[in-house]
Structure formats: C-alpha cells, structure tokens
Protein backbone atom coordinates (compact mmCIF):
# COMPACT_ATOMS: atom_id res chain seq x y z
CA MET A 1 0.00 0.00 0.02
CA ASN A 2 1.34 3.42 -0.99
CA LEU A 3 1.38 5.74 2.04
CA ASP A 4 3.33 8.60 0.46
CA PHE A 5 0.39 10.98 0.99
CA ILE A 6 0.94 10.74 4.76
CA ASN A 7 4.45 12.18 4.54
CA PHE A 8 4.02 15.86 5.14
CA SER A 9 6.94 18.26 4.80
CA ILE A 10 7.30 21.60 6.61
CA LEU A 11 6.37 23.34 3.36
CA ASP A 12 3.12 21.34 3.19
CA ILE A 13 2.21 22.43 6.72
CA LEU A 14 3.08 26.05 5.88
CA ASP A 15 0.98 25.80 2.70
CA ILE A 16 -2.07 24.57 4.70
CA ILE A 17 -1.64 27.36 7.30
CA LEU A 18 -1.40 30.06 4.64
CA VAL A 19 -4.49 28.77 2.85
CA ALA A 20 -6.37 28.67 6.16
CA VAL A 21 -5.36 32.27 6.94
CA LEU A 22 -6.37 33.40 3.44
CA LEU A 23 -9.79 31.70 3.72
CA TYR A 24 -10.29 33.25 7.14
CA TYR A 25 -9.64 36.77 5.83
CA ILE A 26 -11.92 36.20 2.87
CA TYR A 27 -14.68 34.93 5.15
CA LYS A 28 -14.16 37.90 7.55
CA LEU A 29 -14.34 40.26 4.61
CA LEU A 30 -17.49 38.78 3.07
CA LYS A 31 -19.34 37.83 6.26
CA GLY A 32 -22.78 39.40 6.40
CA THR A 33 -22.70 40.76 2.81
CA VAL A 34 -24.56 39.60 -0.26
CA ALA A 35 -21.20 38.66 -1.81
CA ILE A 36 -21.10 35.56 0.40
CA ASN A 37 -24.03 34.13 -1.61
CA ILE A 38 -22.07 34.60 -4.82
CA VAL A 39 -19.11 32.76 -3.34
CA ILE A 40 -21.36 29.88 -2.29
CA GLY A 41 -22.83 29.75 -5.82
CA ILE A 42 -19.32 29.61 -7.37
CA ALA A 43 -18.26 26.88 -4.92
CA LEU A 44 -21.31 24.80 -5.88
CA ILE A 45 -20.59 25.19 -9.58
CA PHE A 46 -16.97 24.14 -8.94
CA LEU A 47 -18.17 21.10 -6.94
CA ILE A 48 -20.56 20.06 -9.68
CA TRP A 49 -17.81 20.48 -12.28
CA LYS A 50 -15.53 18.15 -10.32
CA ILE A 51 -18.31 15.60 -9.98
CA THR A 52 -19.06 15.68 -13.71
CA GLN A 53 -15.35 15.21 -14.40
CA ALA A 54 -15.24 12.17 -12.10
CA LEU A 55 -18.33 10.66 -13.82
CA HIS A 56 -16.87 11.42 -17.28
CA MET A 57 -19.86 13.60 -18.27
CA GLU A 58 -17.87 15.26 -21.02
CA MET A 59 -20.42 17.75 -22.37
CA LEU A 60 -21.59 19.17 -19.00
CA SER A 61 -18.05 19.07 -17.64
CA GLY A 62 -16.80 21.01 -20.67
CA ILE A 63 -19.48 23.67 -20.34
CA LEU A 64 -18.82 24.16 -16.63
CA GLY A 65 -15.07 24.16 -17.26
CA TYR A 66 -15.35 26.97 -19.84
CA LEU A 67 -17.71 28.83 -17.53
CA LEU A 68 -15.24 28.72 -14.65
CA SER A 69 -12.13 29.40 -16.69
CA GLY A 70 -13.67 32.34 -18.55
CA GLY A 71 -15.27 33.85 -15.50
CA VAL A 72 -12.10 35.24 -13.85
CA ILE A 73 -12.55 38.66 -15.43
CA ALA A 74 -16.26 38.63 -14.54
CA LEU A 75 -15.38 37.76 -10.92
CA ILE A 76 -12.93 40.67 -10.72
CA ILE A 77 -15.67 43.01 -11.89
CA VAL A 78 -18.29 41.56 -9.52
CA PHE A 79 -15.97 41.57 -6.53
CA GLN A 80 -14.19 44.79 -7.37
CA GLN A 81 -15.18 46.46 -4.10
CA GLU A 82 -14.49 43.38 -1.99
CA ILE A 83 -11.03 42.92 -3.57
CA ARG A 84 -10.20 46.56 -2.82
CA LYS A 85 -11.30 46.08 0.83
CA PHE A 86 -9.28 42.88 1.11
CA LEU A 87 -6.11 44.55 -0.11
CA LEU A 88 -6.82 47.48 2.22
CA MET A 89 -7.21 45.11 5.17
CA ILE A 90 -3.95 43.31 4.35
CA GLY A 91 -2.12 46.63 4.03
CA THR A 92 -3.32 48.16 7.32
CA THR A 93 -0.32 46.80 9.23
CA ASN A 94 2.58 49.17 9.01
CA PHE A 95 5.81 47.14 9.35
CA ASN A 96 7.98 50.22 8.67
CA SER A 97 7.47 51.77 12.09
CA LYS A 98 9.06 50.25 15.19
CA ARG A 99 5.85 50.53 17.23
CA SER A 100 3.72 48.71 14.66
CA PHE A 101 6.35 46.03 14.20
CA LEU A 102 6.50 45.37 17.94
CA ASN A 103 2.75 45.17 18.09
CA GLN A 104 2.88 42.07 15.88
CA ILE A 105 4.66 40.20 18.69
CA LYS A 106 1.93 38.84 20.89
CA PHE A 107 3.84 38.72 24.16
CA LEU A 108 4.66 42.43 23.84
CA GLN A 109 1.09 43.56 23.21
CA SER A 110 0.24 43.72 26.91
CA GLU A 111 3.04 46.20 27.59
CA ILE A 112 2.23 48.36 24.57
CA ASN A 113 -1.56 48.57 24.94
CA ALA A 114 -1.67 48.75 28.77
CA GLU A 115 -0.86 52.46 28.55
CA ILE A 116 -4.36 53.30 27.37
CA ASP A 117 -6.43 54.86 30.14
CA THR A 118 -9.68 52.89 29.73
CA ASP A 119 -11.12 54.40 32.91
CA ALA A 120 -10.87 57.90 31.43
CA ILE A 121 -12.52 56.77 28.19
CA LEU A 122 -15.38 55.01 29.95
CA LYS A 123 -15.89 57.90 32.33
CA ALA A 124 -16.29 60.21 29.36
CA CYS A 125 -18.72 57.73 27.68
CA THR A 126 -20.79 57.52 30.85
CA SER A 127 -21.01 61.33 31.08
CA LEU A 128 -21.92 61.64 27.42
CA ALA A 129 -24.56 58.94 27.81
CA ARG A 130 -26.28 60.87 30.60
CA THR A 131 -26.77 63.89 28.28
CA LYS A 132 -27.48 61.67 25.24
CA THR A 133 -24.50 63.17 23.40
CA GLY A 134 -23.52 61.02 20.42
CA ALA A 135 -19.95 59.80 20.31
CA LEU A 136 -17.82 57.39 18.26
CA ILE A 137 -14.37 56.43 19.68
CA VAL A 138 -12.06 54.12 17.81
CA ILE A 139 -9.14 52.60 19.81
CA GLU A 140 -6.24 51.34 17.75
CA ARG A 141 -4.75 47.97 18.59
CA THR A 142 -2.16 46.29 16.26
CA ASN A 143 -3.42 47.46 12.87
CA ASN A 144 -2.16 50.94 12.00
CA LEU A 145 -5.07 53.32 11.39
CA ASP A 146 -3.21 56.14 9.64
CA PHE A 147 -5.07 55.42 6.41
CA ILE A 148 -8.30 56.30 8.21
CA ALA A 149 -6.93 59.01 10.52
CA ASN A 150 -5.77 60.97 7.48
CA THR A 151 -9.42 61.62 6.55
CA GLY A 152 -9.88 63.79 9.67
CA ASP A 153 -8.10 66.49 11.69
CA LYS A 154 -4.85 65.42 13.30
CA MET A 155 -4.37 65.95 17.02
CA SER A 156 -1.88 64.97 19.66
CA ALA A 157 -3.42 65.18 23.12
CA LEU A 158 -3.49 63.01 26.22
CA VAL A 159 -6.73 61.12 26.71
CA THR A 160 -8.82 62.66 29.51
CA PRO A 161 -12.55 62.60 30.22
CA VAL A 162 -12.76 66.39 29.80
CA LEU A 163 -11.04 66.30 26.41
CA LEU A 164 -13.31 63.58 25.04
CA GLU A 165 -16.43 65.30 26.37
CA SER A 166 -15.37 68.58 24.79
CA ILE A 167 -14.65 66.90 21.43
CA PHE A 168 -18.18 65.41 21.25
CA PHE A 169 -19.98 68.44 22.72
CA LYS A 170 -22.85 69.16 20.35
CA ASN A 171 -21.70 72.65 19.52
CA SER A 172 -18.08 71.62 19.11
CA PRO A 173 -16.71 71.75 15.54
CA LEU A 174 -14.94 68.45 16.20
CA HIS A 175 -18.01 66.38 17.25
CA ASP A 176 -18.82 65.09 13.75
CA GLY A 177 -17.21 61.80 12.73
CA ALA A 178 -15.00 59.56 14.87
CA THR A 179 -12.13 60.09 17.21
CA ILE A 180 -9.10 57.77 17.06
CA ILE A 181 -7.06 56.91 20.16
CA ARG A 182 -3.55 55.44 19.94
CA ASP A 183 -1.23 54.82 22.89
CA ASN A 184 -3.43 56.94 25.20
CA GLN A 185 -3.30 59.86 22.76
CA VAL A 186 -6.14 61.33 20.71
CA VAL A 187 -4.46 61.33 17.33
CA ALA A 188 -7.37 62.40 15.05
CA THR A 189 -10.91 63.80 15.23
CA ARG A 190 -13.69 64.25 12.69
CA VAL A 191 -12.49 61.04 11.03
CA ILE A 192 -14.56 59.50 8.26
CA LEU A 193 -14.90 55.74 8.73
CA PRO A 194 -15.74 53.09 6.12
CA VAL A 195 -19.40 52.14 6.48
CA SER A 196 -20.31 48.46 6.81
CA GLU A 197 -22.50 46.95 4.11
CA SER A 198 -23.55 44.03 6.26
CA THR A 199 -27.21 43.04 5.93
CA LEU A 200 -27.15 41.68 9.49
CA ILE A 201 -27.11 45.12 11.16
CA PRO A 202 -30.65 45.96 12.39
CA ALA A 203 -32.25 48.90 10.59
CA ARG A 204 -32.68 50.82 13.86
CA PHE A 205 -28.95 51.50 14.00
CA GLY A 206 -27.72 54.53 12.15
CA LEU A 207 -24.53 55.59 10.37
CA ARG A 208 -22.56 55.89 13.59
CA HIS A 209 -23.03 52.19 14.37
CA ARG A 210 -22.51 51.15 10.73
CA ALA A 211 -19.21 53.11 10.72
CA ALA A 212 -18.11 51.30 13.87
CA PHE A 213 -18.97 47.96 12.29
CA GLY A 214 -17.12 48.99 9.12
CA VAL A 215 -13.78 49.84 10.77
CA THR A 216 -13.85 46.79 13.09
CA GLU A 217 -14.61 44.53 10.12
CA ARG A 218 -11.51 45.72 8.31
CA THR A 219 -9.11 46.14 11.20
CA ASP A 220 -8.65 44.82 14.72
CA ALA A 221 -9.58 48.18 16.28
CA VAL A 222 -12.36 48.33 18.88
CA CYS A 223 -15.11 50.98 19.03
CA LEU A 224 -17.17 52.61 21.73
CA ILE A 225 -20.39 54.31 20.71
CA VAL A 226 -22.75 56.55 22.64
CA SER A 227 -26.18 56.76 21.02
CA GLU A 228 -27.68 60.25 20.92
CA GLU A 229 -31.18 58.76 20.64
CA THR A 230 -31.10 56.41 23.62
CA GLY A 231 -27.91 57.33 25.49
CA GLU A 232 -26.80 53.69 25.38
CA VAL A 233 -23.11 52.81 25.27
CA SER A 234 -22.20 50.09 22.78
CA TYR A 235 -18.96 48.17 22.35
CA ILE A 236 -18.04 46.85 18.86
CA LYS A 237 -15.25 44.37 18.11
CA ASP A 238 -14.55 42.26 15.01
CA GLY A 239 -17.73 43.63 13.37
CA GLU A 240 -19.98 42.43 16.18
CA PHE A 241 -21.60 43.73 19.35
CA VAL A 242 -19.90 42.76 22.59
CA LEU A 243 -22.57 42.39 25.24
CA PHE A 244 -22.07 43.59 28.83
CA LYS A 245 -24.32 44.17 31.84
CA SER A 246 -22.55 47.11 33.48
CA ILE A 247 -19.78 49.65 32.92
CA GLU A 248 -17.58 47.63 35.27
CA GLU A 249 -17.98 44.54 33.06
CA LEU A 250 -17.33 46.63 29.96
CA SER A 251 -14.19 48.00 31.60
CA LYS A 252 -12.88 44.43 32.17
CA LYS A 253 -13.68 43.37 28.62
CA LEU A 254 -12.03 46.48 27.14
CA GLN A 255 -8.90 46.07 29.25
CA LYS A 256 -8.64 42.44 28.28
CA ASP A 257 -9.06 43.18 24.55
CA LEU A 258 -6.37 45.86 24.71
CA THR A 259 -3.85 43.58 26.42
CA THR A 260 -4.31 40.35 24.47
C-alpha cells in the first residue's frame, strides 16, 4: 500500500496554514454581505464540475469548465469592491514603524496597549450617555489606522474625560465623525470611517453604528459608541456587538481586549 500521501513536509504544513489564513480573511471580509451568496454559488458550480469530471460527463463538464475558466474577469468586476477592501485590510499593518512592528509580537502587546487609560474613556462615555450626546471612539490595537486618521483632523493630546467630552460636545466643531485613540493619545478627530454593508445590522442602528462595524470588520480596532437617541453605550469588536451588563464589566472586557 502506498502511504506517500501521509508524509508531510514543513512546506506542506506552511501551505495549509497560509491557505487557512487566506480563507479566514476572505470569510471575515464577506461575512454578512450579499457577496457571500455569490461565493457559495461559485463553490457549488466548482463542486458540480468536479463531480461531472469524475463521472466522465464530457459535455456538461466542458460547459462548466469553460464557464469557470472564462469567469475570472467577470469575478474581478463583480468583486471589485471586496477585492479593494481585502487589499486594504492586508495593508493596514505598518511594518515600517518600530511601534507597529512590535505590536505584531503577541507577548509584547500587553506592555504596549496597557498604557491606554480605559477608565478615562469610559468615564467620558458615561458622562456623554447621561446627556445623550452622540460619540464614536475608535481605539487602535495592532493594525495601523493612519489610512483612516488621514481623513480627519490630526491631534496629539493625552486622553482625559474632559477632552473627550469637549470633542463630542454638540456645539463643538470636532464632534462630527469619529475620534481615534492610539497609545493613550487622541491622534485624530472628525475622522470618516468606512461604512459596513452588512445586511445583519438591524435597521434601527444609524450611520454611527455602521461606521463602527465597518472599521472593526476591516481592522482589529475596537469601538465605543454613545447613542444620541437612547444614551446607550455600545462596544463593537470584530464587526460584532460585545454584550455587557454594566460599565464595570465593559471595563474588564475592554482592558482584556487591549492587552491580548
């Protein structure tokens, strides 16, 4: 019996890992969008093509083969926006800067991100929630957010509750858009975030929530939102709501996410 297929080399293992990572990023990119249905349809056509090949159904196999081989250009056109987002997501990590490079090393993340004053951020959110003042705060983790920060006004100021409350004060010229925090510094305000196209987001949520979903779908940043309609504080991570029962519980979740 030939057992050569059992002999895996290091390159085979690396190949499997890279394919798994690629599929994960593709799934993360398409999750919740109509494009996922197109991918499922293509996968079914490919499966049927393989079955027809195995059964020697020459005519149907040939038709499906031509359809798949000639559809590459059509797929590029159909998935133009998704391909752009995928390349953008891959390129968000800045390996040129020392800080961003160190952030890629997991055991150093705790030391780097522990500097963020989560208590000050949550104190500001609680105060804004009491007055139903809308706010959108993006906290950078390992993915560099300069490509988003450049759409707003640059700032370099230490995070304090008073500063955040003044930024999102309704009559403030800085309250529109998002505020980005990096290493306990407010680095940009009035930032325009990419809006999520997910069909899973309930219609009752507005552009502020869709923007938070959008940036957390494309990067590993986390977002805190204060609704100006209800005064509720929401926590968004990986394109999903993170549920919590109290500000104390939210504080623990936020600190854990920023140190792991």
